[in-house]
Amino acid sequence: MANALVGKASVSITCVAPNNTAAEALRDFFVGHREFMEEKSYQNGPLSVVHYSISESPEYERDDAAWAQGKYPETTGKTIFHLYEIYESADGLHHHWIESAEFLPIFGELCATHQIKVEVNNQMRVIQSLWD
């Protein structure tokens, strides 16, 4: 069904690991994060997690023309991680942040130690989706 996710709350966290050591540290952290999510997340009801994913890729040089031509731009040597979560409601996402309080200092220390850049886009509202 088109637009099944409209109105749901999302958070998007992008991490840029400057080297392989930092990338491996993030991979290890995300293993623990998934275990935490499996244990703590609601599967049903207004606080439920509708979608959870972590993606990884090399960082590419900015070259929109290459992508449009079907080519891959050169890589920078950095690794990008993208955590994306969708919740049934804004309250579900808010609740998750409160439950995640134990992870925040660990994540902050990891990022400081490895000079990982982080961008968080929080309490976003889905305005379009294609399928369930």
C-alpha atoms as a PDB file:
ATOM      1  CA  MET A   1       0.000   0.000   0.000  1.00  0.00           C
ATOM      2  CA  ALA A   2       1.448   3.357  -0.999  1.00  0.00           C
ATOM      3  CA  ASN A   3       2.117   5.877   1.747  1.00  0.00           C
ATOM      4  CA  ALA A   4       1.686   3.309   4.529  1.00  0.00           C
ATOM      5  CA  LEU A   5       4.437   5.027   6.536  1.00  0.00           C
ATOM      6  CA  VAL A   6       3.155   8.592   6.227  1.00  0.00           C
ATOM      7  CA  GLY A   7       2.981  10.310   9.610  1.00  0.00           C
ATOM      8  CA  LYS A   8       5.352   7.915  11.357  1.00  0.00           C
ATOM      9  CA  ALA A   9       8.408   9.288  13.195  1.00  0.00           C
ATOM     10  CA  SER A  10      11.963   8.687  12.020  1.00  0.00           C
ATOM     11  CA  VAL A  11      15.524   9.304  13.076  1.00  0.00           C
ATOM     12  CA  SER A  12      18.509   9.280  10.756  1.00  0.00           C
ATOM     13  CA  ILE A  13      22.059   9.104  12.108  1.00  0.00           C
ATOM     14  CA  THR A  14      25.003   9.316   9.728  1.00  0.00           C
ATOM     15  CA  CYS A  15      28.524   8.513  10.935  1.00  0.00           C
ATOM     16  CA  VAL A  16      31.696   9.154   8.948  1.00  0.00           C
ATOM     17  CA  ALA A  17      34.593   6.952  10.023  1.00  0.00           C
ATOM     18  CA  PRO A  18      37.929   8.472   8.933  1.00  0.00           C
ATOM     19  CA  ASN A  19      39.810   5.163   8.713  1.00  0.00           C
ATOM     20  CA  ASN A  20      39.485   1.376   8.967  1.00  0.00           C
ATOM     21  CA  THR A  21      40.086   1.337  12.733  1.00  0.00           C
ATOM     22  CA  ALA A  22      37.186   3.731  13.290  1.00  0.00           C
ATOM     23  CA  ALA A  23      34.984   1.777  10.875  1.00  0.00           C
ATOM     24  CA  GLU A  24      35.669  -1.479  12.731  1.00  0.00           C
ATOM     25  CA  ALA A  25      34.892   0.215  16.062  1.00  0.00           C
ATOM     26  CA  LEU A  26      31.536   1.363  14.668  1.00  0.00           C
ATOM     27  CA  ARG A  27      30.759  -2.117  13.330  1.00  0.00           C
ATOM     28  CA  ASP A  28      31.381  -3.539  16.798  1.00  0.00           C
ATOM     29  CA  PHE A  29      29.244  -0.840  18.416  1.00  0.00           C
ATOM     30  CA  PHE A  30      26.361  -1.488  16.028  1.00  0.00           C
ATOM     31  CA  VAL A  31      26.370  -5.201  16.906  1.00  0.00           C
ATOM     32  CA  GLY A  32      25.641  -4.215  20.499  1.00  0.00           C
ATOM     33  CA  HIS A  33      23.129  -1.618  19.367  1.00  0.00           C
ATOM     34  CA  ARG A  34      21.171  -4.218  17.406  1.00  0.00           C
ATOM     35  CA  GLU A  35      21.110  -6.520  20.428  1.00  0.00           C
ATOM     36  CA  PHE A  36      19.840  -3.614  22.524  1.00  0.00           C
ATOM     37  CA  MET A  37      17.164  -2.845  19.926  1.00  0.00           C
ATOM     38  CA  GLU A  38      16.018  -6.475  19.832  1.00  0.00           C
ATOM     39  CA  GLU A  39      15.715  -6.531  23.612  1.00  0.00           C
ATOM     40  CA  LYS A  40      14.179  -3.114  24.258  1.00  0.00           C
ATOM     41  CA  SER A  41      12.077  -2.275  21.196  1.00  0.00           C
ATOM     42  CA  TYR A  42       8.346  -2.681  21.059  1.00  0.00           C
ATOM     43  CA  GLN A  43       7.071  -4.768  18.150  1.00  0.00           C
ATOM     44  CA  ASN A  44       3.449  -3.679  18.482  1.00  0.00           C
ATOM     45  CA  GLY A  45       1.515  -0.656  19.632  1.00  0.00           C
ATOM     46  CA  PRO A  46       2.095   3.098  19.575  1.00  0.00           C
ATOM     47  CA  LEU A  47       5.755   2.849  20.719  1.00  0.00           C
ATOM     48  CA  SER A  48       6.727   0.162  18.187  1.00  0.00           C
ATOM     49  CA  VAL A  49       9.652   0.183  15.784  1.00  0.00           C
ATOM     50  CA  VAL A  50       8.402  -0.126  12.213  1.00  0.00           C
ATOM     51  CA  HIS A  51      11.822  -0.179  10.532  1.00  0.00           C
ATOM     52  CA  TYR A  52      15.429  -0.485  11.705  1.00  0.00           C
ATOM     53  CA  SER A  53      18.442  -0.599   9.399  1.00  0.00           C
ATOM     54  CA  ILE A  54      22.128   0.204   9.337  1.00  0.00           C
ATOM     55  CA  SER A  55      23.838   0.703   5.994  1.00  0.00           C
ATOM     56  CA  GLU A  56      27.548   0.993   5.206  1.00  0.00           C
ATOM     57  CA  SER A  57      29.484   2.170   2.170  1.00  0.00           C
ATOM     58  CA  PRO A  58      32.704   3.889   1.225  1.00  0.00           C
ATOM     59  CA  GLU A  59      32.520   7.658   1.115  1.00  0.00           C
ATOM     60  CA  TYR A  60      32.635   8.804  -2.497  1.00  0.00           C
ATOM     61  CA  GLU A  61      34.060  12.024  -3.899  1.00  0.00           C
ATOM     62  CA  ARG A  62      31.354  14.511  -4.796  1.00  0.00           C
ATOM     63  CA  ASP A  63      30.718  13.810  -8.481  1.00  0.00           C
ATOM     64  CA  ASP A  64      27.035  13.836  -9.378  1.00  0.00           C
ATOM     65  CA  ALA A  65      27.845  13.589 -13.094  1.00  0.00           C
ATOM     66  CA  ALA A  66      29.593  10.231 -12.572  1.00  0.00           C
ATOM     67  CA  TRP A  67      26.522   8.728 -10.886  1.00  0.00           C
ATOM     68  CA  ALA A  68      24.250  10.053 -13.648  1.00  0.00           C
ATOM     69  CA  GLN A  69      26.557   8.435 -16.217  1.00  0.00           C
ATOM     70  CA  GLY A  70      26.398   5.070 -14.451  1.00  0.00           C
ATOM     71  CA  LYS A  71      29.942   5.387 -13.065  1.00  0.00           C
ATOM     72  CA  TYR A  72      31.210   5.214  -9.507  1.00  0.00           C
ATOM     73  CA  PRO A  73      33.168   8.256  -8.322  1.00  0.00           C
ATOM     74  CA  GLU A  74      36.515   7.808  -6.577  1.00  0.00           C
ATOM     75  CA  THR A  75      36.400   6.926  -2.879  1.00  0.00           C
ATOM     76  CA  THR A  76      37.890   9.084  -0.123  1.00  0.00           C
ATOM     77  CA  GLY A  77      39.133   6.282   2.152  1.00  0.00           C
ATOM     78  CA  LYS A  78      36.440   7.058   4.723  1.00  0.00           C
ATOM     79  CA  THR A  79      33.460   4.812   5.544  1.00  0.00           C
ATOM     80  CA  ILE A  80      29.883   6.012   5.912  1.00  0.00           C
ATOM     81  CA  PHE A  81      27.397   4.329   8.256  1.00  0.00           C
ATOM     82  CA  HIS A  82      23.743   5.247   8.205  1.00  0.00           C
ATOM     83  CA  LEU A  83      21.355   4.220  10.975  1.00  0.00           C
ATOM     84  CA  TYR A  84      17.706   4.669  10.088  1.00  0.00           C
ATOM     85  CA  GLU A  85      14.769   3.960  12.374  1.00  0.00           C
ATOM     86  CA  ILE A  86      11.044   4.515  11.882  1.00  0.00           C
ATOM     87  CA  TYR A  87       8.602   4.420  14.796  1.00  0.00           C
ATOM     88  CA  GLU A  88       4.841   4.107  14.848  1.00  0.00           C
ATOM     89  CA  SER A  89       4.686   7.459  16.635  1.00  0.00           C
ATOM     90  CA  ALA A  90       6.778  10.403  17.811  1.00  0.00           C
ATOM     91  CA  ASP A  91       6.209   9.104  21.350  1.00  0.00           C
ATOM     92  CA  GLY A  92       7.844   5.801  20.356  1.00  0.00           C
ATOM     93  CA  LEU A  93      10.949   7.582  19.100  1.00  0.00           C
ATOM     94  CA  HIS A  94      11.037   9.831  22.159  1.00  0.00           C
ATOM     95  CA  HIS A  95      10.756   6.761  24.409  1.00  0.00           C
ATOM     96  CA  HIS A  96      13.615   5.115  22.534  1.00  0.00           C
ATOM     97  CA  TRP A  97      15.945   8.061  23.191  1.00  0.00           C
ATOM     98  CA  ILE A  98      15.187   7.833  26.915  1.00  0.00           C
ATOM     99  CA  GLU A  99      15.879   4.072  26.888  1.00  0.00           C
ATOM    100  CA  SER A 100      19.085   4.693  24.896  1.00  0.00           C
ATOM    101  CA  ALA A 101      20.585   6.936  27.569  1.00  0.00           C
ATOM    102  CA  GLU A 102      23.023   4.173  28.569  1.00  0.00           C
ATOM    103  CA  PHE A 103      24.417   4.065  25.016  1.00  0.00           C
ATOM    104  CA  LEU A 104      24.951   7.787  24.517  1.00  0.00           C
ATOM    105  CA  PRO A 105      28.129   8.200  26.638  1.00  0.00           C
ATOM    106  CA  ILE A 106      29.625   5.043  25.108  1.00  0.00           C
ATOM    107  CA  PHE A 107      28.814   6.252  21.602  1.00  0.00           C
ATOM    108  CA  GLY A 108      30.128   9.747  22.367  1.00  0.00           C
ATOM    109  CA  GLU A 109      33.416   8.364  23.687  1.00  0.00           C
ATOM    110  CA  LEU A 110      33.777   6.067  20.680  1.00  0.00           C
ATOM    111  CA  CYS A 111      33.253   8.975  18.296  1.00  0.00           C
ATOM    112  CA  ALA A 112      35.677  11.239  20.157  1.00  0.00           C
ATOM    113  CA  THR A 113      38.357   8.554  20.368  1.00  0.00           C
ATOM    114  CA  HIS A 114      38.170   7.715  16.662  1.00  0.00           C
ATOM    115  CA  GLN A 115      37.322  11.212  15.368  1.00  0.00           C
ATOM    116  CA  ILE A 116      34.043   9.973  13.895  1.00  0.00           C
ATOM    117  CA  LYS A 117      31.776  12.715  12.595  1.00  0.00           C
ATOM    118  CA  VAL A 118      28.094  12.290  13.409  1.00  0.00           C
ATOM    119  CA  GLU A 119      24.970  13.961  12.050  1.00  0.00           C
ATOM    120  CA  VAL A 120      21.638  13.286  13.749  1.00  0.00           C
ATOM    121  CA  ASN A 121      18.288  14.183  12.228  1.00  0.00           C
ATOM    122  CA  ASN A 122      15.716  13.467  14.908  1.00  0.00           C
ATOM    123  CA  GLN A 123      11.916  13.464  15.222  1.00  0.00           C
ATOM    124  CA  MET A 124      11.392  13.632  11.487  1.00  0.00           C
ATOM    125  CA  ARG A 125       7.926  12.840  10.108  1.00  0.00           C
ATOM    126  CA  VAL A 126       7.575  10.553   7.091  1.00  0.00           C
ATOM    127  CA  ILE A 127       5.771  12.457   4.322  1.00  0.00           C
ATOM    128  CA  GLN A 128       5.924   9.822   1.538  1.00  0.00           C
ATOM    129  CA  SER A 129       6.510   6.089   1.173  1.00  0.00           C
ATOM    130  CA  LEU A 130       6.025   3.605  -1.637  1.00  0.00           C
ATOM    131  CA  TRP A 131       5.239   0.271  -0.027  1.00  0.00           C
ATOM    132  CA  ASP A 132       4.930  -1.370   3.373  1.00  0.00           C
END
